[in-house]
Each structure stands twice: as C-alpha cells, then as structure tokens.
Amino acid sequence: MKKLVPDPPTFNLGQTAETHFGACDGHAPLFSVRPGISAEDALVHAALYLKCASDTGPQVVEHSNEVGRGFAWSTLHSVQMARALIEAVLDGIEARYLHAGPR
C-alpha cells in the first residue's frame, strides 16, 4: 500500500552537553543540564524560562529602590532580547520544516 502522506522531515539541531550551573561560594555547582536532550526541546524550555523572567521582571522593577531600578530594567531588557532570539529560531524552524517542508 502506498502512503498518501509522506513522513515529516527529520530535523536534528543536535543535543545538549552536560553543563553545570548554580555555583555557590565554597562548593561545586548544585545543578546541571543533562546531556543528550534535543536542542529543540532545550530551546523550548529556555523560551519558557525566559517568559517567566519577563513576566516577573516588572515586579522587580516596581519593588526596587531608585538605584537598583536601572539594573533591574537592564536585566529585564536582556531577558526580553534573549527570549526574542530563541523564539525567532524556534519560529524559523517551525516555518521551514512544518509548513514549507525541507529545502
């Protein structure tokens, strides 16, 4: 029997490498990114974490003193830029491979 609909294209951005984070003074980092997670899944999660930071950032600005407010705004803008970059990559992948097919 011939398939009417072809299989979707396979796309592999690669996988994560083990990366440690959460270091405190005097001991090794507490956390790490597990190796072997698909890069696309990692980007989706990174976008979600940055969305959370974008949503809570204005509260930090509101509750900061005048000196800290500038630092909070700077951090919030950096989070928003990182989020936009990741979402642009994910949207580009989706547009290329889900709607247009491979080129």
PDB file of N, CA and C in Angstrom:
ATOM      1  N   MET A   1       0.847  -1.178   0.000  1.00  0.00           N
ATOM      2  CA  MET A   1       0.000   0.000   0.000  1.00  0.00           C
ATOM      3  C   MET A   1       0.885   1.231   0.000  1.00  0.00           C
ATOM      4  N   LYS A   2       0.592   2.164  -0.847  1.00  0.00           N
ATOM      5  CA  LYS A   2       1.362   3.392  -0.951  1.00  0.00           C
ATOM      6  C   LYS A   2       0.820   4.426   0.028  1.00  0.00           C
ATOM      7  N   LYS A   3       1.752   5.096   0.754  1.00  0.00           N
ATOM      8  CA  LYS A   3       1.338   6.131   1.700  1.00  0.00           C
ATOM      9  C   LYS A   3       0.905   7.380   0.948  1.00  0.00           C
ATOM     10  N   LEU A   4      -0.200   7.949   1.356  1.00  0.00           N
ATOM     11  CA  LEU A   4      -0.687   9.180   0.734  1.00  0.00           C
ATOM     12  C   LEU A   4       0.041  10.405   1.261  1.00  0.00           C
ATOM     13  N   VAL A   5       0.424  10.353   2.505  1.00  0.00           N
ATOM     14  CA  VAL A   5       1.102  11.488   3.133  1.00  0.00           C
ATOM     15  C   VAL A   5       2.507  11.049   3.510  1.00  0.00           C
ATOM     16  N   PRO A   6       3.527  11.771   3.032  1.00  0.00           N
ATOM     17  CA  PRO A   6       4.892  11.381   3.373  1.00  0.00           C
ATOM     18  C   PRO A   6       5.195  11.662   4.843  1.00  0.00           C
ATOM     19  N   ASP A   7       6.198  10.959   5.363  1.00  0.00           N
ATOM     20  CA  ASP A   7       6.635  11.225   6.727  1.00  0.00           C
ATOM     21  C   ASP A   7       7.153  12.649   6.817  1.00  0.00           C
ATOM     22  N   PRO A   8       6.959  13.302   7.963  1.00  0.00           N
ATOM     23  CA  PRO A   8       7.502  14.648   8.114  1.00  0.00           C
ATOM     24  C   PRO A   8       9.020  14.596   8.051  1.00  0.00           C
ATOM     25  N   PRO A   9       9.634  15.693   7.624  1.00  0.00           N
ATOM     26  CA  PRO A   9      11.087  15.687   7.528  1.00  0.00           C
ATOM     27  C   PRO A   9      11.724  15.558   8.904  1.00  0.00           C
ATOM     28  N   THR A  10      12.834  14.894   8.939  1.00  0.00           N
ATOM     29  CA  THR A  10      13.565  14.817  10.204  1.00  0.00           C
ATOM     30  C   THR A  10      14.502  16.005  10.267  1.00  0.00           C
ATOM     31  N   PHE A  11      14.580  16.577  11.414  1.00  0.00           N
ATOM     32  CA  PHE A  11      15.437  17.737  11.616  1.00  0.00           C
ATOM     33  C   PHE A  11      16.126  17.567  12.945  1.00  0.00           C
ATOM     34  N   ASN A  12      17.413  17.693  12.945  1.00  0.00           N
ATOM     35  CA  ASN A  12      18.167  17.484  14.172  1.00  0.00           C
ATOM     36  C   ASN A  12      19.124  18.636  14.379  1.00  0.00           C
ATOM     37  N   LEU A  13      18.862  19.442  15.385  1.00  0.00           N
ATOM     38  CA  LEU A  13      19.753  20.546  15.741  1.00  0.00           C
ATOM     39  C   LEU A  13      20.929  20.066  16.568  1.00  0.00           C
ATOM     40  N   GLY A  14      20.862  18.844  17.009  1.00  0.00           N
ATOM     41  CA  GLY A  14      21.887  18.323  17.899  1.00  0.00           C
ATOM     42  C   GLY A  14      21.307  18.099  19.280  1.00  0.00           C
ATOM     43  N   GLN A  15      22.194  17.894  20.231  1.00  0.00           N
ATOM     44  CA  GLN A  15      21.774  17.614  21.599  1.00  0.00           C
ATOM     45  C   GLN A  15      22.575  18.464  22.577  1.00  0.00           C
ATOM     46  N   THR A  16      22.066  18.528  23.787  1.00  0.00           N
ATOM     47  CA  THR A  16      22.756  19.278  24.823  1.00  0.00           C
ATOM     48  C   THR A  16      23.983  18.520  25.304  1.00  0.00           C
ATOM     49  N   ALA A  17      24.937  19.272  25.797  1.00  0.00           N
ATOM     50  CA  ALA A  17      26.093  18.726  26.501  1.00  0.00           C
ATOM     51  C   ALA A  17      25.858  18.990  27.981  1.00  0.00           C
ATOM     52  N   GLU A  18      26.432  18.205  28.841  1.00  0.00           N
ATOM     53  CA  GLU A  18      26.274  18.434  30.278  1.00  0.00           C
ATOM     54  C   GLU A  18      26.911  19.774  30.630  1.00  0.00           C
ATOM     55  N   THR A  19      26.138  20.624  31.279  1.00  0.00           N
ATOM     56  CA  THR A  19      26.590  21.957  31.659  1.00  0.00           C
ATOM     57  C   THR A  19      26.129  22.237  33.080  1.00  0.00           C
ATOM     58  N   HIS A  20      27.061  22.560  33.947  1.00  0.00           N
ATOM     59  CA  HIS A  20      26.750  22.785  35.357  1.00  0.00           C
ATOM     60  C   HIS A  20      26.410  24.256  35.606  1.00  0.00           C
ATOM     61  N   PHE A  21      25.549  24.481  36.572  1.00  0.00           N
ATOM     62  CA  PHE A  21      25.206  25.849  36.978  1.00  0.00           C
ATOM     63  C   PHE A  21      24.767  25.841  38.430  1.00  0.00           C
ATOM     64  N   GLY A  22      24.629  27.015  39.006  1.00  0.00           N
ATOM     65  CA  GLY A  22      24.177  27.127  40.391  1.00  0.00           C
ATOM     66  C   GLY A  22      25.306  27.048  41.392  1.00  0.00           C
ATOM     67  N   ALA A  23      26.490  27.555  41.019  1.00  0.00           N
ATOM     68  CA  ALA A  23      27.629  27.520  41.938  1.00  0.00           C
ATOM     69  C   ALA A  23      27.421  28.519  43.073  1.00  0.00           C
ATOM     70  N   CYS A  24      27.823  28.108  44.247  1.00  0.00           N
ATOM     71  CA  CYS A  24      27.826  28.982  45.416  1.00  0.00           C
ATOM     72  C   CYS A  24      29.250  29.026  45.953  1.00  0.00           C
ATOM     73  N   ASP A  25      29.551  30.028  46.731  1.00  0.00           N
ATOM     74  CA  ASP A  25      30.890  30.120  47.314  1.00  0.00           C
ATOM     75  C   ASP A  25      31.190  28.880  48.137  1.00  0.00           C
ATOM     76  N   GLY A  26      32.325  28.251  47.849  1.00  0.00           N
ATOM     77  CA  GLY A  26      32.793  27.157  48.677  1.00  0.00           C
ATOM     78  C   GLY A  26      32.386  25.759  48.260  1.00  0.00           C
ATOM     79  N   HIS A  27      31.514  25.603  47.250  1.00  0.00           N
ATOM     80  CA  HIS A  27      31.182  24.249  46.814  1.00  0.00           C
ATOM     81  C   HIS A  27      30.883  24.221  45.318  1.00  0.00           C
ATOM     82  N   ALA A  28      30.869  23.026  44.793  1.00  0.00           N
ATOM     83  CA  ALA A  28      30.618  22.832  43.360  1.00  0.00           C
ATOM     84  C   ALA A  28      29.185  23.230  43.006  1.00  0.00           C
ATOM     85  N   PRO A  29      28.916  23.434  41.726  1.00  0.00           N
ATOM     86  CA  PRO A  29      27.547  23.760  41.303  1.00  0.00           C
ATOM     87  C   PRO A  29      26.551  22.701  41.755  1.00  0.00           C
ATOM     88  N   LEU A  30      25.360  23.155  42.083  1.00  0.00           N
ATOM     89  CA  LEU A  30      24.316  22.255  42.569  1.00  0.00           C
ATOM     90  C   LEU A  30      23.541  21.564  41.459  1.00  0.00           C
ATOM     91  N   PHE A  31      23.504  22.166  40.277  1.00  0.00           N
ATOM     92  CA  PHE A  31      22.630  21.689  39.218  1.00  0.00           C
ATOM     93  C   PHE A  31      23.402  21.505  37.922  1.00  0.00           C
ATOM     94  N   SER A  32      22.779  20.778  36.980  1.00  0.00           N
ATOM     95  CA  SER A  32      23.372  20.671  35.656  1.00  0.00           C
ATOM     96  C   SER A  32      22.288  20.380  34.626  1.00  0.00           C
ATOM     97  N   VAL A  33      22.571  20.786  33.399  1.00  0.00           N
ATOM     98  CA  VAL A  33      21.742  20.408  32.269  1.00  0.00           C
ATOM     99  C   VAL A  33      22.190  19.013  31.868  1.00  0.00           C
ATOM    100  N   ARG A  34      21.255  18.118  31.720  1.00  0.00           N
ATOM    101  CA  ARG A  34      21.579  16.741  31.342  1.00  0.00           C
ATOM    102  C   ARG A  34      22.033  16.681  29.893  1.00  0.00           C
ATOM    103  N   PRO A  35      23.002  15.848  29.605  1.00  0.00           N
ATOM    104  CA  PRO A  35      23.412  15.676  28.216  1.00  0.00           C
ATOM    105  C   PRO A  35      22.393  14.831  27.450  1.00  0.00           C
ATOM    106  N   GLY A  36      22.342  15.026  26.141  1.00  0.00           N
ATOM    107  CA  GLY A  36      21.503  14.182  25.307  1.00  0.00           C
ATOM    108  C   GLY A  36      20.079  14.660  25.091  1.00  0.00           C
ATOM    109  N   ILE A  37      19.725  15.839  25.611  1.00  0.00           N
ATOM    110  CA  ILE A  37      18.389  16.401  25.382  1.00  0.00           C
ATOM    111  C   ILE A  37      18.407  17.066  24.000  1.00  0.00           C
ATOM    112  N   SER A  38      17.343  16.894  23.213  1.00  0.00           N
ATOM    113  CA  SER A  38      17.340  17.509  21.881  1.00  0.00           C
ATOM    114  C   SER A  38      17.454  19.025  22.024  1.00  0.00           C
ATOM    115  N   ALA A  39      18.208  19.616  21.122  1.00  0.00           N
ATOM    116  CA  ALA A  39      18.419  21.064  21.168  1.00  0.00           C
ATOM    117  C   ALA A  39      17.099  21.816  21.034  1.00  0.00           C
ATOM    118  N   GLU A  40      16.199  21.290  20.200  1.00  0.00           N
ATOM    119  CA  GLU A  40      14.907  21.963  20.034  1.00  0.00           C
ATOM    120  C   GLU A  40      14.112  21.954  21.341  1.00  0.00           C
ATOM    121  N   ASP A  41      14.090  20.825  22.045  1.00  0.00           N
ATOM    122  CA  ASP A  41      13.408  20.766  23.342  1.00  0.00           C
ATOM    123  C   ASP A  41      14.059  21.722  24.339  1.00  0.00           C
ATOM    124  N   ALA A  42      15.384  21.777  24.336  1.00  0.00           N
ATOM    125  CA  ALA A  42      16.085  22.683  25.247  1.00  0.00           C
ATOM    126  C   ALA A  42      15.739  24.136  24.940  1.00  0.00           C
ATOM    127  N   LEU A  43      15.642  24.485  23.661  1.00  0.00           N
ATOM    128  CA  LEU A  43      15.273  25.850  23.282  1.00  0.00           C
ATOM    129  C   LEU A  43      13.851  26.182  23.709  1.00  0.00           C
ATOM    130  N   VAL A  44      12.938  25.235  23.582  1.00  0.00           N
ATOM    131  CA  VAL A  44      11.553  25.457  24.020  1.00  0.00           C
ATOM    132  C   VAL A  44      11.525  25.746  25.524  1.00  0.00           C
ATOM    133  N   HIS A  45      12.252  24.962  26.293  1.00  0.00           N
ATOM    134  CA  HIS A  45      12.280  25.187  27.735  1.00  0.00           C
ATOM    135  C   HIS A  45      12.959  26.507  28.079  1.00  0.00           C
ATOM    136  N   ALA A  46      14.026  26.834  27.377  1.00  0.00           N
ATOM    137  CA  ALA A  46      14.698  28.117  27.616  1.00  0.00           C
ATOM    138  C   ALA A  46      13.738  29.276  27.345  1.00  0.00           C
ATOM    139  N   ALA A  47      12.963  29.180  26.280  1.00  0.00           N
ATOM    140  CA  ALA A  47      11.980  30.229  25.973  1.00  0.00           C
ATOM    141  C   ALA A  47      10.944  30.345  27.086  1.00  0.00           C
ATOM    142  N   LEU A  48      10.516  29.219  27.639  1.00  0.00           N
ATOM    143  CA  LEU A  48       9.542  29.255  28.745  1.00  0.00           C
ATOM    144  C   LEU A  48      10.144  29.903  29.992  1.00  0.00           C
ATOM    145  N   TYR A  49      11.413  29.559  30.306  1.00  0.00           N
ATOM    146  CA  TYR A  49      12.066  30.159  31.473  1.00  0.00           C
ATOM    147  C   TYR A  49      12.231  31.660  31.292  1.00  0.00           C
ATOM    148  N   LEU A  50      12.579  32.067  30.078  1.00  0.00           N
ATOM    149  CA  LEU A  50      12.729  33.495  29.812  1.00  0.00           C
ATOM    150  C   LEU A  50      11.381  34.210  29.842  1.00  0.00           C
ATOM    151  N   LYS A  51      10.315  33.527  29.433  1.00  0.00           N
ATOM    152  CA  LYS A  51       8.972  34.120  29.540  1.00  0.00           C
ATOM    153  C   LYS A  51       8.636  34.382  31.005  1.00  0.00           C
ATOM    154  N   CYS A  52       8.953  33.419  31.865  1.00  0.00           N
ATOM    155  CA  CYS A  52       8.712  33.604  33.300  1.00  0.00           C
ATOM    156  C   CYS A  52       9.501  34.794  33.832  1.00  0.00           C
ATOM    157  N   ALA A  53      10.759  34.899  33.427  1.00  0.00           N
ATOM    158  CA  ALA A  53      11.583  36.025  33.869  1.00  0.00           C
ATOM    159  C   ALA A  53      11.025  37.345  33.342  1.00  0.00           C
ATOM    160  N   SER A  54      10.530  37.348  32.095  1.00  0.00           N
ATOM    161  CA  SER A  54       9.924  38.556  31.528  1.00  0.00           C
ATOM    162  C   SER A  54       8.662  38.958  32.276  1.00  0.00           C
ATOM    163  N   ASP A  55       7.903  37.969  32.708  1.00  0.00           N
ATOM    164  CA  ASP A  55       6.655  38.241  33.426  1.00  0.00           C
ATOM    165  C   ASP A  55       6.902  38.761  34.839  1.00  0.00           C
ATOM    166  N   THR A  56       7.968  38.274  35.493  1.00  0.00           N
ATOM    167  CA  THR A  56       8.245  38.716  36.868  1.00  0.00           C
ATOM    168  C   THR A  56       9.139  39.943  36.922  1.00  0.00           C
ATOM    169  N   GLY A  57       9.842  40.231  35.837  1.00  0.00           N
ATOM    170  CA  GLY A  57      10.761  41.377  35.819  1.00  0.00           C
ATOM    171  C   GLY A  57      10.121  42.715  36.191  1.00  0.00           C
ATOM    172  N   PRO A  58       8.959  43.039  35.641  1.00  0.00           N
ATOM    173  CA  PRO A  58       8.334  44.319  36.017  1.00  0.00           C
ATOM    174  C   PRO A  58       8.052  44.426  37.519  1.00  0.00           C
ATOM    175  N   GLN A  59       7.770  43.312  38.179  1.00  0.00           N
ATOM    176  CA  GLN A  59       7.560  43.344  39.632  1.00  0.00           C
ATOM    177  C   GLN A  59       8.858  43.699  40.354  1.00  0.00           C
ATOM    178  N   VAL A  60       9.967  43.178  39.850  1.00  0.00           N
ATOM    179  CA  VAL A  60      11.267  43.506  40.438  1.00  0.00           C
ATOM    180  C   VAL A  60      11.533  44.996  40.288  1.00  0.00           C
ATOM    181  N   VAL A  61      11.264  45.530  39.103  1.00  0.00           N
ATOM    182  CA  VAL A  61      11.462  46.969  38.872  1.00  0.00           C
ATOM    183  C   VAL A  61      10.600  47.777  39.833  1.00  0.00           C
ATOM    184  N   GLU A  62       9.350  47.381  39.976  1.00  0.00           N
ATOM    185  CA  GLU A  62       8.412  48.118  40.835  1.00  0.00           C
ATOM    186  C   GLU A  62       8.853  48.132  42.290  1.00  0.00           C
ATOM    187  N   HIS A  63       9.443  47.046  42.756  1.00  0.00           N
ATOM    188  CA  HIS A  63       9.798  46.936  44.161  1.00  0.00           C
ATOM    189  C   HIS A  63      11.269  47.241  44.451  1.00  0.00           C
ATOM    190  N   SER A  64      11.977  47.759  43.447  1.00  0.00           N
ATOM    191  CA  SER A  64      13.380  48.114  43.647  1.00  0.00           C
ATOM    192  C   SER A  64      13.497  49.582  44.026  1.00  0.00           C
ATOM    193  N   ASN A  65      14.590  49.884  44.740  1.00  0.00           N
ATOM    194  CA  ASN A  65      14.839  51.304  45.020  1.00  0.00           C
ATOM    195  C   ASN A  65      15.346  51.961  43.740  1.00  0.00           C
ATOM    196  N   GLU A  66      15.470  53.271  43.774  1.00  0.00           N
ATOM    197  CA  GLU A  66      15.817  54.004  42.559  1.00  0.00           C
ATOM    198  C   GLU A  66      17.156  53.559  41.979  1.00  0.00           C
ATOM    199  N   VAL A  67      18.123  53.290  42.812  1.00  0.00           N
ATOM    200  CA  VAL A  67      19.436  52.864  42.331  1.00  0.00           C
ATOM    201  C   VAL A  67      19.337  51.489  41.648  1.00  0.00           C
ATOM    202  N   GLY A  68      18.624  50.561  42.245  1.00  0.00           N
ATOM    203  CA  GLY A  68      18.504  49.222  41.692  1.00  0.00           C
ATOM    204  C   GLY A  68      17.573  49.114  40.506  1.00  0.00           C
ATOM    205  N   ARG A  69      16.706  50.099  40.330  1.00  0.00           N
ATOM    206  CA  ARG A  69      15.714  50.051  39.257  1.00  0.00           C
ATOM    207  C   ARG A  69      16.373  50.008  37.873  1.00  0.00           C
ATOM    208  N   GLY A  70      17.438  50.778  37.699  1.00  0.00           N
ATOM    209  CA  GLY A  70      18.144  50.771  36.417  1.00  0.00           C
ATOM    210  C   GLY A  70      18.746  49.408  36.107  1.00  0.00           C
ATOM    211  N   PHE A  71      19.321  48.775  37.138  1.00  0.00           N
ATOM    212  CA  PHE A  71      19.874  47.435  36.951  1.00  0.00           C
ATOM    213  C   PHE A  71      18.763  46.433  36.614  1.00  0.00           C
ATOM    214  N   ALA A  72      17.637  46.569  37.284  1.00  0.00           N
ATOM    215  CA  ALA A  72      16.517  45.659  37.028  1.00  0.00           C
ATOM    216  C   ALA A  72      16.004  45.834  35.603  1.00  0.00           C
ATOM    217  N   TRP A  73      15.868  47.090  35.132  1.00  0.00           N
ATOM    218  CA  TRP A  73      15.415  47.325  33.759  1.00  0.00           C
ATOM    219  C   TRP A  73      16.411  46.744  32.758  1.00  0.00           C
ATOM    220  N   SER A  74      17.705  46.935  33.027  1.00  0.00           N
ATOM    221  CA  SER A  74      18.733  46.398  32.138  1.00  0.00           C
ATOM    222  C   SER A  74      18.634  44.874  32.046  1.00  0.00           C
ATOM    223  N   THR A  75      18.459  44.230  33.188  1.00  0.00           N
ATOM    224  CA  THR A  75      18.314  42.773  33.204  1.00  0.00           C
ATOM    225  C   THR A  75      17.060  42.348  32.463  1.00  0.00           C
ATOM    226  N   LEU A  76      15.972  43.042  32.690  1.00  0.00           N
ATOM    227  CA  LEU A  76      14.709  42.709  32.025  1.00  0.00           C
ATOM    228  C   LEU A  76      14.837  42.842  30.513  1.00  0.00           C
ATOM    229  N   HIS A  77      15.491  43.897  30.038  1.00  0.00           N
ATOM    230  CA  HIS A  77      15.673  44.057  28.594  1.00  0.00           C
ATOM    231  C   HIS A  77      16.551  42.943  28.019  1.00  0.00           C
ATOM    232  N   SER A  78      17.574  42.536  28.744  1.00  0.00           N
ATOM    233  CA  SER A  78      18.424  41.430  28.287  1.00  0.00           C
ATOM    234  C   SER A  78      17.628  40.129  28.203  1.00  0.00           C
ATOM    235  N   VAL A  79      16.773  39.887  29.188  1.00  0.00           N
ATOM    236  CA  VAL A  79      15.922  38.698  29.176  1.00  0.00           C
ATOM    237  C   VAL A  79      14.978  38.739  27.980  1.00  0.00           C
ATOM    238  N   GLN A  80      14.399  39.894  27.724  1.00  0.00           N
ATOM    239  CA  GLN A  80      13.475  40.019  26.604  1.00  0.00           C
ATOM    240  C   GLN A  80      14.177  39.808  25.264  1.00  0.00           C
ATOM    241  N   MET A  81      15.414  40.304  25.142  1.00  0.00           N
ATOM    242  CA  MET A  81      16.165  40.104  23.903  1.00  0.00           C
ATOM    243  C   MET A  81      16.515  38.625  23.709  1.00  0.00           C
ATOM    244  N   ALA A  82      16.949  37.966  24.773  1.00  0.00           N
ATOM    245  CA  ALA A  82      17.277  36.536  24.680  1.00  0.00           C
ATOM    246  C   ALA A  82      16.036  35.730  24.326  1.00  0.00           C
ATOM    247  N   ARG A  83      14.923  36.074  24.925  1.00  0.00           N
ATOM    248  CA  ARG A  83      13.663  35.372  24.631  1.00  0.00           C
ATOM    249  C   ARG A  83      13.268  35.555  23.172  1.00  0.00           C
ATOM    250  N   ALA A  84      13.394  36.775  22.660  1.00  0.00           N
ATOM    251  CA  ALA A  84      13.048  37.044  21.262  1.00  0.00           C
ATOM    252  C   ALA A  84      13.948  36.260  20.314  1.00  0.00           C
ATOM    253  N   LEU A  85      15.232  36.170  20.612  1.00  0.00           N
ATOM    254  CA  LEU A  85      16.146  35.407  19.762  1.00  0.00           C
ATOM    255  C   LEU A  85      15.767  33.928  19.725  1.00  0.00           C
ATOM    256  N   ILE A  86      15.502  33.354  20.891  1.00  0.00           N
ATOM    257  CA  ILE A  86      15.143  31.936  20.946  1.00  0.00           C
ATOM    258  C   ILE A  86      13.822  31.681  20.244  1.00  0.00           C
ATOM    259  N   GLU A  87      12.843  32.538  20.464  1.00  0.00           N
ATOM    260  CA  GLU A  87      11.556  32.356  19.802  1.00  0.00           C
ATOM    261  C   GLU A  87      11.683  32.528  18.291  1.00  0.00           C
ATOM    262  N   ALA A  88      12.566  33.426  17.841  1.00  0.00           N
ATOM    263  CA  ALA A  88      12.777  33.606  16.405  1.00  0.00           C
ATOM    264  C   ALA A  88      13.383  32.340  15.790  1.00  0.00           C
ATOM    265  N   VAL A  89      14.327  31.721  16.483  1.00  0.00           N
ATOM    266  CA  VAL A  89      14.916  30.472  15.996  1.00  0.00           C
ATOM    267  C   VAL A  89      13.853  29.384  15.926  1.00  0.00           C
ATOM    268  N   LEU A  90      13.071  29.225  16.988  1.00  0.00           N
ATOM    269  CA  LEU A  90      12.030  28.195  17.003  1.00  0.00           C
ATOM    270  C   LEU A  90      10.970  28.451  15.930  1.00  0.00           C
ATOM    271  N   ASP A  91      10.569  29.707  15.758  1.00  0.00           N
ATOM    272  CA  ASP A  91       9.587  30.032  14.724  1.00  0.00           C
ATOM    273  C   ASP A  91      10.144  29.754  13.330  1.00  0.00           C
ATOM    274  N   GLY A  92      11.435  30.038  13.126  1.00  0.00           N
ATOM    275  CA  GLY A  92      12.061  29.756  11.845  1.00  0.00           C
ATOM    276  C   GLY A  92      12.100  28.273  11.551  1.00  0.00           C
ATOM    277  N   ILE A  93      12.412  27.471  12.569  1.00  0.00           N
ATOM    278  CA  ILE A  93      12.410  26.015  12.403  1.00  0.00           C
ATOM    279  C   ILE A  93      11.013  25.531  12.050  1.00  0.00           C
ATOM    280  N   GLU A  94      10.033  26.023  12.774  1.00  0.00           N
ATOM    281  CA  GLU A  94       8.646  25.595  12.520  1.00  0.00           C
ATOM    282  C   GLU A  94       8.205  26.000  11.115  1.00  0.00           C
ATOM    283  N   ALA A  95       8.496  27.230  10.735  1.00  0.00           N
ATOM    284  CA  ALA A  95       8.075  27.696   9.415  1.00  0.00           C
ATOM    285  C   ALA A  95       8.751  26.897   8.311  1.00  0.00           C
ATOM    286  N   ARG A  96       9.999  26.585   8.480  1.00  0.00           N
ATOM    287  CA  ARG A  96      10.736  25.885   7.429  1.00  0.00           C
ATOM    288  C   ARG A  96      10.352  24.423   7.323  1.00  0.00           C
ATOM    289  N   TYR A  97      10.215  23.753   8.462  1.00  0.00           N
ATOM    290  CA  TYR A  97      10.048  22.304   8.431  1.00  0.00           C
ATOM    291  C   TYR A  97       8.628  21.805   8.634  1.00  0.00           C
ATOM    292  N   LEU A  98       7.764  22.613   9.158  1.00  0.00           N
ATOM    293  CA  LEU A  98       6.386  22.142   9.334  1.00  0.00           C
ATOM    294  C   LEU A  98       5.465  22.658   8.237  1.00  0.00           C
ATOM    295  N   HIS A  99       5.759  23.839   7.730  1.00  0.00           N
ATOM    296  CA  HIS A  99       4.852  24.424   6.739  1.00  0.00           C
ATOM    297  C   HIS A  99       5.388  24.319   5.324  1.00  0.00           C
ATOM    298  N   ALA A 100       6.664  24.568   5.128  1.00  0.00           N
ATOM    299  CA  ALA A 100       7.204  24.610   3.790  1.00  0.00           C
ATOM    300  C   ALA A 100       7.890  23.312   3.378  1.00  0.00           C
ATOM    301  N   GLY A 101       8.224  22.486   4.345  1.00  0.00           N
ATOM    302  CA  GLY A 101       8.975  21.267   4.025  1.00  0.00           C
ATOM    303  C   GLY A 101      10.446  21.588   3.876  1.00  0.00           C
ATOM    304  N   PRO A 102      11.286  20.585   3.800  1.00  0.00           N
ATOM    305  CA  PRO A 102      12.726  20.832   3.708  1.00  0.00           C
ATOM    306  C   PRO A 102      13.089  21.424   2.356  1.00  0.00           C
ATOM    307  N   ARG A 103      14.197  22.158   2.346  1.00  0.00           N
ATOM    308  CA  ARG A 103      14.646  22.786   1.100  1.00  0.00           C
ATOM    309  C   ARG A 103      15.892  22.132   0.613  1.00  0.00           C
TER     310      ARG A 103
END
